[in-house]
Amino acid sequence: MGLDKHPLKELVGKLVVTKEGKRLGIVKDITFETKTGELIQLVVRDPTPHIRNLNVEMISGKEAMLPYNSIIAIGDFVVISEEDIA
């Protein structure tokens, strides 16, 4: 996916929504592969009830892990595609 470059500090604190406009939570952090630098997952805090219905990894019920490749746009919000979450 060819997303423009965005520093981590621009993403942290942004609302994560689906392309249908459903709120999922707030970006807390990003995980990445240290050897290659490949971005792996968005760490989302304050998960909404909708994100709990998706098949995503949850950490202590307080954070969710969304695949980075599910991001389709970054602007005022981080927009993800539910279809790309597997």
N, C-alpha and C. Protein backbone atom coordinates (compact mmCIF):
# COMPACT_ATOMS: atom_id res chain seq x y z
N MET A 1 0.85 -1.17 0.00
CA MET A 1 0.00 0.00 0.00
C MET A 1 0.90 1.23 0.00
N GLY A 2 0.61 2.18 -0.84
CA GLY A 2 1.45 3.35 -0.99
C GLY A 2 0.94 4.56 -0.23
N LEU A 3 0.88 4.48 1.09
CA LEU A 3 0.49 5.64 1.88
C LEU A 3 1.63 6.63 1.95
N ASP A 4 1.29 7.91 1.99
CA ASP A 4 2.31 8.93 2.17
C ASP A 4 2.98 8.73 3.52
N LYS A 5 4.18 9.27 3.67
CA LYS A 5 4.90 9.14 4.94
C LYS A 5 4.30 10.08 5.98
N HIS A 6 4.13 9.57 7.18
CA HIS A 6 3.63 10.34 8.31
C HIS A 6 4.45 9.98 9.54
N PRO A 7 5.01 10.97 10.23
CA PRO A 7 5.72 10.66 11.47
C PRO A 7 4.77 10.07 12.51
N LEU A 8 5.30 9.21 13.37
CA LEU A 8 4.48 8.58 14.40
C LEU A 8 3.74 9.62 15.23
N LYS A 9 4.41 10.72 15.56
CA LYS A 9 3.76 11.73 16.40
C LYS A 9 2.51 12.32 15.75
N GLU A 10 2.41 12.25 14.42
CA GLU A 10 1.20 12.72 13.74
C GLU A 10 0.05 11.73 13.87
N LEU A 11 0.37 10.45 14.05
CA LEU A 11 -0.67 9.42 14.13
C LEU A 11 -1.19 9.22 15.54
N VAL A 12 -0.29 9.32 16.53
CA VAL A 12 -0.69 9.08 17.92
C VAL A 12 -1.76 10.10 18.32
N GLY A 13 -2.85 9.58 18.87
CA GLY A 13 -3.95 10.44 19.31
C GLY A 13 -5.05 10.62 18.28
N LYS A 14 -4.83 10.13 17.04
CA LYS A 14 -5.87 10.26 16.02
C LYS A 14 -6.95 9.20 16.21
N LEU A 15 -8.17 9.58 15.90
CA LEU A 15 -9.30 8.66 15.94
C LEU A 15 -9.19 7.68 14.78
N VAL A 16 -9.44 6.40 15.05
CA VAL A 16 -9.45 5.36 14.02
C VAL A 16 -10.91 5.05 13.71
N VAL A 17 -11.25 5.12 12.42
CA VAL A 17 -12.62 4.84 11.97
C VAL A 17 -12.57 3.88 10.79
N THR A 18 -13.70 3.21 10.56
CA THR A 18 -13.81 2.37 9.37
C THR A 18 -14.21 3.28 8.21
N LYS A 19 -14.12 2.76 7.00
CA LYS A 19 -14.52 3.57 5.84
C LYS A 19 -16.01 3.85 5.85
N GLU A 20 -16.76 3.09 6.66
CA GLU A 20 -18.19 3.34 6.82
C GLU A 20 -18.46 4.37 7.92
N GLY A 21 -17.40 4.81 8.61
CA GLY A 21 -17.54 5.84 9.64
C GLY A 21 -17.71 5.33 11.06
N LYS A 22 -17.56 4.03 11.27
CA LYS A 22 -17.69 3.48 12.64
C LYS A 22 -16.41 3.75 13.41
N ARG A 23 -16.54 4.30 14.61
CA ARG A 23 -15.37 4.60 15.45
C ARG A 23 -14.82 3.31 16.06
N LEU A 24 -13.48 3.22 16.09
CA LEU A 24 -12.85 2.03 16.64
C LEU A 24 -12.01 2.33 17.88
N GLY A 25 -11.44 3.52 17.98
CA GLY A 25 -10.59 3.87 19.11
C GLY A 25 -9.60 4.94 18.70
N ILE A 26 -8.55 5.09 19.51
CA ILE A 26 -7.53 6.12 19.32
C ILE A 26 -6.16 5.46 19.14
N VAL A 27 -5.37 5.94 18.17
CA VAL A 27 -4.03 5.39 17.95
C VAL A 27 -3.16 5.68 19.17
N LYS A 28 -2.58 4.63 19.72
CA LYS A 28 -1.66 4.76 20.85
C LYS A 28 -0.21 4.59 20.40
N ASP A 29 0.01 3.63 19.47
CA ASP A 29 1.38 3.31 19.06
C ASP A 29 1.32 2.49 17.78
N ILE A 30 2.50 2.15 17.26
CA ILE A 30 2.62 1.30 16.08
C ILE A 30 3.68 0.24 16.39
N THR A 31 3.43 -1.00 15.97
CA THR A 31 4.46 -2.03 16.10
C THR A 31 5.10 -2.23 14.73
N PHE A 32 6.39 -2.60 14.74
CA PHE A 32 7.09 -2.81 13.48
C PHE A 32 8.15 -3.89 13.63
N GLU A 33 8.55 -4.44 12.51
CA GLU A 33 9.60 -5.46 12.46
C GLU A 33 10.94 -4.73 12.53
N THR A 34 11.73 -5.02 13.55
CA THR A 34 12.96 -4.27 13.77
C THR A 34 14.01 -4.50 12.68
N LYS A 35 14.05 -5.68 12.09
CA LYS A 35 15.07 -5.95 11.07
C LYS A 35 14.77 -5.27 9.75
N THR A 36 13.49 -5.22 9.38
CA THR A 36 13.14 -4.68 8.06
C THR A 36 12.50 -3.28 8.14
N GLY A 37 11.99 -2.92 9.32
CA GLY A 37 11.29 -1.64 9.46
C GLY A 37 9.85 -1.71 8.99
N GLU A 38 9.39 -2.90 8.59
CA GLU A 38 8.02 -3.05 8.12
C GLU A 38 7.03 -2.76 9.25
N LEU A 39 6.03 -1.92 8.95
CA LEU A 39 5.00 -1.60 9.93
C LEU A 39 4.03 -2.76 10.02
N ILE A 40 3.75 -3.20 11.24
CA ILE A 40 2.95 -4.41 11.44
C ILE A 40 1.53 -4.08 11.90
N GLN A 41 1.40 -3.36 13.02
CA GLN A 41 0.08 -3.14 13.61
C GLN A 41 -0.04 -1.74 14.21
N LEU A 42 -1.28 -1.26 14.23
CA LEU A 42 -1.63 -0.08 15.00
C LEU A 42 -2.08 -0.55 16.36
N VAL A 43 -1.59 0.06 17.41
CA VAL A 43 -2.07 -0.22 18.76
C VAL A 43 -3.14 0.84 19.03
N VAL A 44 -4.36 0.39 19.30
CA VAL A 44 -5.50 1.29 19.48
C VAL A 44 -5.97 1.22 20.93
N ARG A 45 -6.00 2.39 21.59
CA ARG A 45 -6.49 2.46 22.97
C ARG A 45 -7.96 2.86 22.96
N ASP A 46 -8.61 2.69 24.09
CA ASP A 46 -10.03 3.03 24.25
C ASP A 46 -10.90 2.39 23.17
N PRO A 47 -10.77 1.05 23.00
CA PRO A 47 -11.54 0.40 21.93
C PRO A 47 -13.05 0.53 22.17
N THR A 48 -13.76 0.78 21.09
CA THR A 48 -15.21 0.90 21.15
C THR A 48 -15.84 -0.49 21.10
N PRO A 49 -17.12 -0.59 21.42
CA PRO A 49 -17.79 -1.90 21.31
C PRO A 49 -17.69 -2.49 19.90
N HIS A 50 -17.68 -1.65 18.87
CA HIS A 50 -17.61 -2.17 17.49
C HIS A 50 -16.30 -2.92 17.24
N ILE A 51 -15.19 -2.41 17.75
CA ILE A 51 -13.90 -3.06 17.50
C ILE A 51 -13.85 -4.43 18.18
N ARG A 52 -14.59 -4.59 19.25
CA ARG A 52 -14.61 -5.88 19.95
C ARG A 52 -15.31 -6.96 19.13
N ASN A 53 -16.14 -6.55 18.15
CA ASN A 53 -16.83 -7.50 17.27
C ASN A 53 -15.94 -7.96 16.11
N LEU A 54 -14.83 -7.27 15.90
CA LEU A 54 -13.92 -7.64 14.82
C LEU A 54 -12.96 -8.71 15.31
N ASN A 55 -12.37 -9.42 14.39
CA ASN A 55 -11.44 -10.50 14.73
C ASN A 55 -10.03 -9.91 14.87
N VAL A 56 -9.80 -9.15 15.96
CA VAL A 56 -8.49 -8.54 16.19
C VAL A 56 -7.97 -8.94 17.56
N GLU A 57 -6.66 -8.89 17.70
CA GLU A 57 -6.03 -9.21 18.97
C GLU A 57 -6.32 -8.10 19.97
N MET A 58 -6.72 -8.49 21.17
CA MET A 58 -6.98 -7.53 22.25
C MET A 58 -5.92 -7.75 23.33
N ILE A 59 -5.47 -6.66 23.95
CA ILE A 59 -4.50 -6.73 25.03
C ILE A 59 -5.19 -6.24 26.30
N SER A 60 -5.41 -7.14 27.22
CA SER A 60 -6.05 -6.83 28.51
C SER A 60 -7.40 -6.13 28.36
N GLY A 61 -8.03 -6.25 27.21
CA GLY A 61 -9.33 -5.61 27.00
C GLY A 61 -9.27 -4.10 26.89
N LYS A 62 -8.04 -3.53 26.97
CA LYS A 62 -7.91 -2.07 26.95
C LYS A 62 -7.27 -1.55 25.67
N GLU A 63 -6.69 -2.44 24.90
CA GLU A 63 -6.05 -2.05 23.64
C GLU A 63 -6.32 -3.11 22.59
N ALA A 64 -6.42 -2.66 21.35
CA ALA A 64 -6.63 -3.58 20.23
C ALA A 64 -5.48 -3.41 19.25
N MET A 65 -5.17 -4.48 18.53
CA MET A 65 -4.11 -4.47 17.53
C MET A 65 -4.76 -4.61 16.15
N LEU A 66 -4.62 -3.56 15.33
CA LEU A 66 -5.17 -3.59 13.98
C LEU A 66 -4.03 -3.73 12.98
N PRO A 67 -4.19 -4.57 11.96
CA PRO A 67 -3.13 -4.72 10.96
C PRO A 67 -2.86 -3.38 10.26
N TYR A 68 -1.60 -3.02 10.15
CA TYR A 68 -1.24 -1.75 9.52
C TYR A 68 -1.71 -1.70 8.07
N ASN A 69 -1.71 -2.86 7.39
CA ASN A 69 -2.12 -2.88 5.98
C ASN A 69 -3.61 -2.67 5.79
N SER A 70 -4.38 -2.56 6.89
CA SER A 70 -5.81 -2.27 6.75
C SER A 70 -6.07 -0.78 6.62
N ILE A 71 -5.02 0.06 6.79
CA ILE A 71 -5.18 1.50 6.66
C ILE A 71 -5.37 1.87 5.19
N ILE A 72 -6.42 2.66 4.92
CA ILE A 72 -6.64 3.10 3.54
C ILE A 72 -6.45 4.60 3.39
N ALA A 73 -6.47 5.35 4.50
CA ALA A 73 -6.25 6.80 4.42
C ALA A 73 -5.84 7.33 5.78
N ILE A 74 -5.01 8.38 5.74
CA ILE A 74 -4.63 9.08 6.96
C ILE A 74 -4.84 10.57 6.71
N GLY A 75 -5.64 11.17 7.56
CA GLY A 75 -5.91 12.61 7.46
C GLY A 75 -6.27 13.08 8.85
N ASP A 76 -7.45 13.68 8.98
CA ASP A 76 -7.93 14.04 10.31
C ASP A 76 -8.18 12.79 11.14
N PHE A 77 -8.47 11.68 10.46
CA PHE A 77 -8.71 10.38 11.07
C PHE A 77 -7.79 9.37 10.40
N VAL A 78 -7.62 8.22 11.05
CA VAL A 78 -6.99 7.07 10.40
C VAL A 78 -8.15 6.19 9.96
N VAL A 79 -8.28 5.99 8.65
CA VAL A 79 -9.39 5.22 8.10
C VAL A 79 -8.89 3.84 7.75
N ILE A 80 -9.61 2.82 8.22
CA ILE A 80 -9.24 1.44 7.92
C ILE A 80 -10.38 0.74 7.18
N SER A 81 -10.02 -0.32 6.49
CA SER A 81 -10.99 -1.15 5.78
C SER A 81 -11.23 -2.41 6.60
N GLU A 82 -12.47 -2.61 7.03
CA GLU A 82 -12.78 -3.82 7.81
C GLU A 82 -12.50 -5.08 7.01
N GLU A 83 -12.65 -5.03 5.69
CA GLU A 83 -12.42 -6.20 4.86
C GLU A 83 -10.97 -6.66 4.89
N ASP A 84 -10.05 -5.74 5.19
CA ASP A 84 -8.63 -6.07 5.22
C ASP A 84 -8.16 -6.58 6.57
N ILE A 85 -9.05 -6.70 7.53
CA ILE A 85 -8.70 -7.25 8.84
C ILE A 85 -8.97 -8.74 8.78
N ALA A 86 -7.90 -9.53 8.94
CA ALA A 86 -8.09 -10.98 8.86
C ALA A 86 -7.53 -11.65 10.09
